[in-house]
Amino acid sequence: MRMDIETYTHIYDSLGSVKDVKSVAKEFSQPVGTIHSILNQKTVTKVKRNFTRVKNNSARHFRQWQKGKSISEIARNNDIPETLMVSMILKEMGLPKKGFIRNLDEYPEGRLKKEVMEAMESDFFFSPKAHDMHAEKGKLGESILAIWLTEKELTYRSEDDLRSEGFTKTPDFLLDEELDIDGVKVSWIESKALFGDEKEHDYYIKKQFREYEENYGIGMIVYWYGFIDTISFNGNIIKDYEFFDEGEMVEELLNFKTYW
């Protein structure tokens, strides 16, 4: 839903960890997915602010680990997600970060493996599991739109179709015929399984939306988990879950948990 900046600020300030998601969702009558998306964006912003400082002290963090502090404890003390601290510790040890994390089963049992597994299980934002679940949300949002377009008997080319034709910057759906939405003719639709705050929106304008508009005309952006009511983009349509008929898939997306 469209959210005023005051409500957004109250929600943002109320979120400290995933333990707050359910209570904040209930307090502000918002879907769990919306609140988790806002918390995810708050976490990413904090990481961007702190990462360089923490990374510059990687050697000290490694020494702390050697003296007995756990990876998760060191991460908490530096207010950074566990997965990122794992990467720093592994780098200090000369071990391949992605290879070690993705292929834990191939490594012998021991303190390092145990702590890496515990860190992965505690990180709801940067762990491989969290990334996989976020990708699953994205696919679910696209599936809902594909069904919606099919029910309207509208044909389109998907992102994969466009890339196979040689396009590089491609929306999720390029319509074969313009669709009238609120009196505006749209030619493309982009699905975003996140909350549209000003930072996210500005980022995607620069990264995607501006080029979509230049190449294909006016489009529709779907922020499934809602958006701040102050965002806009050159007359392009912005919608969220409330625009679509309620159904099992929409409910699944709104209540999709990326924490466990």
Protein backbone atom coordinates (compact mmCIF):
# COMPACT_ATOMS: atom_id res chain seq x y z
CA MET A 1 0.00 0.00 0.00
CA ARG A 2 1.01 3.61 -0.35
CA MET A 3 2.67 4.59 2.91
CA ASP A 4 3.16 8.11 4.20
CA ILE A 5 6.66 9.09 5.30
CA GLU A 6 5.66 9.45 8.97
CA THR A 7 4.37 5.88 9.16
CA TYR A 8 7.41 4.61 7.29
CA THR A 9 9.76 6.43 9.69
CA HIS A 10 7.98 4.97 12.72
CA ILE A 11 8.23 1.46 11.27
CA TYR A 12 11.87 1.93 10.28
CA ASP A 13 12.85 3.20 13.73
CA SER A 14 10.95 0.35 15.44
CA LEU A 15 12.93 -2.39 13.69
CA GLY A 16 16.09 -3.69 15.31
CA SER A 17 16.10 -7.36 14.31
CA VAL A 18 13.87 -10.06 12.86
CA LYS A 19 12.47 -10.57 16.36
CA ASP A 20 10.60 -7.28 15.87
CA VAL A 21 8.99 -8.14 12.51
CA LYS A 22 5.78 -9.82 13.70
CA SER A 23 5.00 -7.31 16.45
CA VAL A 24 5.67 -4.31 14.20
CA ALA A 25 3.56 -5.85 11.42
CA LYS A 26 0.69 -6.26 13.88
CA GLU A 27 1.11 -2.78 15.37
CA PHE A 28 1.01 -1.04 11.99
CA SER A 29 -1.42 -3.49 10.29
CA GLN A 30 1.09 -4.35 7.58
CA PRO A 31 1.98 -7.66 5.90
CA VAL A 32 4.92 -9.48 7.44
CA GLY A 33 6.66 -9.32 4.05
CA THR A 34 6.45 -5.53 3.98
CA ILE A 35 8.01 -5.16 7.41
CA HIS A 36 10.76 -7.66 6.65
CA SER A 37 11.55 -5.84 3.40
CA ILE A 38 11.95 -2.56 5.26
CA LEU A 39 14.19 -4.26 7.84
CA ASN A 40 16.26 -5.78 5.05
CA GLN A 41 16.78 -2.35 3.49
CA LYS A 42 17.69 -0.88 6.89
CA THR A 43 20.25 -3.67 7.37
CA VAL A 44 21.80 -3.09 3.94
CA THR A 45 22.08 0.65 4.62
CA LYS A 46 23.81 -0.05 7.92
CA VAL A 47 26.23 -2.48 6.26
CA LYS A 48 27.17 0.07 3.62
CA ARG A 49 27.91 2.57 6.37
CA ASN A 50 29.97 0.19 8.55
CA PHE A 51 31.55 -2.30 6.15
CA THR A 52 34.79 -0.49 5.27
CA ARG A 53 35.57 0.29 8.89
CA VAL A 54 34.96 -3.32 9.97
CA LYS A 55 36.84 -4.77 7.01
CA ASN A 56 39.88 -2.63 7.77
CA ASN A 57 40.09 -4.42 11.12
CA SER A 58 39.88 -7.95 9.69
CA ALA A 59 43.27 -8.96 11.10
CA ARG A 60 42.17 -7.95 14.60
CA HIS A 61 38.91 -9.86 14.22
CA PHE A 62 40.86 -12.94 13.18
CA ARG A 63 43.09 -12.67 16.23
CA GLN A 64 39.98 -12.45 18.41
CA TRP A 65 38.70 -15.63 16.78
CA GLN A 66 42.01 -17.38 17.35
CA LYS A 67 41.76 -16.47 21.06
CA GLY A 68 38.36 -18.14 21.33
CA LYS A 69 35.65 -15.64 20.38
CA SER A 70 33.06 -17.10 18.01
CA ILE A 71 32.47 -15.65 14.55
CA SER A 72 28.88 -14.80 15.48
CA GLU A 73 30.00 -13.00 18.63
CA ILE A 74 32.57 -10.95 16.73
CA ALA A 75 29.92 -10.07 14.12
CA ARG A 76 27.46 -8.95 16.78
CA ASN A 77 30.09 -6.86 18.52
CA ASN A 78 30.76 -5.05 15.24
CA ASP A 79 27.08 -4.78 14.26
CA ILE A 80 27.56 -6.57 10.95
CA PRO A 81 25.81 -9.66 9.48
CA GLU A 82 27.47 -12.96 10.34
CA THR A 83 28.04 -13.97 6.72
CA LEU A 84 30.19 -10.92 6.08
CA MET A 85 32.28 -11.63 9.16
CA VAL A 86 32.68 -15.23 7.98
CA SER A 87 34.05 -13.91 4.68
CA MET A 88 36.57 -11.70 6.48
CA ILE A 89 37.79 -14.50 8.74
CA LEU A 90 38.12 -16.94 5.85
CA LYS A 91 40.07 -14.38 3.82
CA GLU A 92 42.48 -13.87 6.72
CA MET A 93 42.97 -17.66 6.77
CA GLY A 94 43.62 -17.77 3.03
CA LEU A 95 40.53 -19.89 2.35
CA PRO A 96 38.18 -19.36 -0.64
CA LYS A 97 35.14 -17.55 0.74
CA LYS A 98 32.40 -18.62 -1.69
CA GLY A 99 33.83 -22.08 -2.15
CA PHE A 100 34.03 -22.74 1.58
CA ILE A 101 30.52 -21.45 2.33
CA ARG A 102 28.83 -23.20 -0.59
CA ASN A 103 30.68 -26.50 -0.10
CA LEU A 104 30.74 -26.88 3.68
CA ASP A 105 30.01 -30.61 3.47
CA GLU A 106 33.35 -31.18 1.79
CA TYR A 107 35.33 -29.78 4.73
CA PRO A 108 36.23 -31.77 7.86
CA GLU A 109 34.36 -31.31 11.11
CA GLY A 110 35.87 -28.85 13.51
CA ARG A 111 35.46 -25.48 15.17
CA LEU A 112 35.64 -23.42 11.97
CA LYS A 113 33.03 -25.46 10.11
CA LYS A 114 30.72 -25.52 13.13
CA GLU A 115 30.91 -21.75 13.61
CA VAL A 116 30.45 -21.01 9.92
CA MET A 117 27.31 -23.19 9.90
CA GLU A 118 25.99 -21.42 13.01
CA ALA A 119 26.70 -18.02 11.45
CA MET A 120 24.89 -18.95 8.24
CA GLU A 121 21.89 -20.11 10.23
CA SER A 122 21.78 -16.82 12.16
CA ASP A 123 22.06 -14.49 9.17
CA PHE A 124 18.67 -13.69 7.64
CA PHE A 125 19.96 -11.13 5.14
CA PHE A 126 23.35 -12.04 3.63
CA SER A 127 23.59 -15.83 3.95
CA PRO A 128 23.20 -18.07 0.87
CA LYS A 129 19.88 -19.29 2.29
CA ALA A 130 18.61 -15.72 2.63
CA HIS A 131 19.69 -14.88 -0.93
CA ASP A 132 17.98 -18.01 -2.27
CA MET A 133 14.74 -17.16 -0.47
CA HIS A 134 14.87 -13.58 -1.75
CA ALA A 135 15.24 -14.93 -5.30
CA GLU A 136 12.26 -17.19 -4.67
CA LYS A 137 10.17 -14.17 -3.69
CA GLY A 138 11.20 -12.44 -6.90
CA LYS A 139 10.13 -15.42 -9.01
CA LEU A 140 6.81 -15.63 -7.18
CA GLY A 141 6.05 -11.97 -7.92
CA GLU A 142 6.84 -12.49 -11.60
CA SER A 143 4.65 -15.60 -11.68
CA ILE A 144 1.70 -13.66 -10.27
CA LEU A 145 2.10 -11.02 -12.99
CA ALA A 146 2.42 -13.65 -15.73
CA ILE A 147 -0.86 -15.26 -14.62
CA TRP A 148 -2.52 -11.83 -14.35
CA LEU A 149 -1.52 -10.94 -17.91
CA THR A 150 -2.62 -14.34 -19.23
CA GLU A 151 -6.03 -13.97 -17.58
CA LYS A 152 -6.38 -10.63 -19.38
CA GLU A 153 -5.42 -12.40 -22.63
CA LEU A 154 -2.45 -10.09 -23.03
CA THR A 155 0.66 -11.37 -24.77
CA TYR A 156 4.17 -10.28 -23.97
CA ARG A 157 7.84 -11.04 -24.27
CA SER A 158 9.56 -12.03 -21.06
CA GLU A 159 13.00 -10.95 -19.90
CA ASP A 160 14.41 -14.27 -21.20
CA ASP A 161 12.70 -13.76 -24.57
CA LEU A 162 14.18 -10.28 -24.92
CA ARG A 163 17.67 -11.38 -23.98
CA SER A 164 17.53 -14.17 -26.54
CA GLU A 165 16.79 -11.45 -29.10
CA GLY A 166 19.92 -9.55 -28.08
CA PHE A 167 18.47 -6.96 -25.71
CA THR A 168 20.60 -6.20 -22.65
CA LYS A 169 18.45 -3.91 -20.49
CA THR A 170 15.14 -5.74 -20.27
CA PRO A 171 11.99 -5.34 -18.14
CA ASP A 172 10.29 -8.46 -16.80
CA PHE A 173 7.44 -8.07 -19.29
CA LEU A 174 7.35 -6.17 -22.59
CA LEU A 175 3.74 -6.06 -23.75
CA ASP A 176 2.86 -6.76 -27.38
CA GLU A 177 0.04 -4.20 -27.08
CA GLU A 178 -0.25 -1.23 -24.75
CA LEU A 179 -2.33 -1.74 -21.61
CA ASP A 180 -4.50 1.06 -20.21
CA ILE A 181 -4.00 1.50 -16.46
CA ASP A 182 -5.61 4.48 -14.77
CA GLY A 183 -5.84 6.21 -18.13
CA VAL A 184 -2.16 5.69 -18.91
CA LYS A 185 -0.95 3.43 -21.73
CA VAL A 186 1.85 1.20 -20.47
CA SER A 187 4.18 -0.89 -22.63
CA TRP A 188 6.25 -2.74 -20.01
CA ILE A 189 5.98 -4.05 -16.46
CA GLU A 190 8.75 -4.54 -13.90
CA SER A 191 8.21 -6.67 -10.79
CA LYS A 192 10.05 -5.85 -7.55
CA ALA A 193 9.50 -8.11 -4.52
CA LEU A 194 10.47 -5.39 -2.09
CA PHE A 195 9.25 -2.16 -0.48
CA GLY A 196 9.75 0.94 -2.60
CA ASP A 197 11.47 3.49 -0.41
CA GLU A 198 13.18 6.53 -1.88
CA LYS A 199 16.67 4.98 -1.92
CA GLU A 200 15.53 1.79 -3.64
CA HIS A 201 13.45 3.73 -6.14
CA ASP A 202 16.26 6.14 -7.03
CA TYR A 203 18.65 3.21 -7.40
CA TYR A 204 16.38 1.40 -9.85
CA ILE A 205 15.59 4.56 -11.81
CA LYS A 206 19.30 4.91 -12.53
CA LYS A 207 19.95 1.19 -13.01
CA GLN A 208 16.84 0.15 -14.97
CA PHE A 209 13.72 2.30 -15.21
CA ARG A 210 15.19 5.25 -17.08
CA GLU A 211 16.55 3.02 -19.81
CA TYR A 212 13.30 1.03 -20.02
CA GLU A 213 11.42 4.27 -20.58
CA GLU A 214 13.89 5.44 -23.24
CA ASN A 215 13.71 2.11 -25.09
CA TYR A 216 10.09 1.05 -24.63
CA GLY A 217 8.02 4.03 -23.46
CA ILE A 218 5.85 4.36 -20.36
CA GLY A 219 5.62 1.34 -18.05
CA MET A 220 4.32 0.03 -14.75
CA ILE A 221 6.53 -0.70 -11.73
CA VAL A 222 5.14 -3.11 -9.15
CA TYR A 223 6.58 -2.85 -5.66
CA TRP A 224 4.80 -5.86 -4.20
CA TYR A 225 5.34 -4.88 -0.57
CA GLY A 226 4.18 -1.28 -0.94
CA PHE A 227 5.94 2.04 -1.40
CA ILE A 228 6.32 5.52 0.05
CA ASP A 229 3.65 7.81 -1.38
CA THR A 230 6.19 10.46 -2.41
CA ILE A 231 7.99 8.42 -5.08
CA SER A 232 7.25 8.85 -8.79
CA PHE A 233 8.95 8.55 -12.16
CA ASN A 234 8.00 10.64 -15.19
CA GLY A 235 4.37 9.57 -15.27
CA ASN A 236 5.13 5.85 -15.14
CA ILE A 237 2.60 3.88 -13.10
CA ILE A 238 3.59 2.54 -9.67
CA LYS A 239 1.48 -0.17 -8.03
CA ASP A 240 1.67 -2.77 -5.26
CA TYR A 241 -0.24 -5.86 -4.12
CA GLU A 242 -3.46 -3.90 -3.53
CA PHE A 243 -3.87 -3.35 -7.27
CA PHE A 244 -4.22 -7.08 -7.93
CA ASP A 245 -7.00 -9.48 -7.05
CA GLU A 246 -6.35 -11.25 -3.79
CA GLY A 247 -5.42 -14.88 -4.22
CA GLU A 248 -3.35 -17.63 -2.70
CA MET A 249 -0.19 -16.60 -4.52
CA VAL A 250 -0.49 -12.95 -3.46
CA GLU A 251 -1.12 -14.03 0.13
CA GLU A 252 1.88 -16.36 -0.05
CA LEU A 253 4.07 -13.50 -1.25
CA LEU A 254 2.82 -11.06 1.41
CA ASN A 255 3.48 -13.59 4.16
CA PHE A 256 6.67 -14.98 2.68
CA LYS A 257 9.19 -15.28 5.49
CA THR A 258 12.86 -14.85 4.79
CA TYR A 259 13.72 -15.67 8.36
CA TRP A 260 13.48 -19.06 10.05
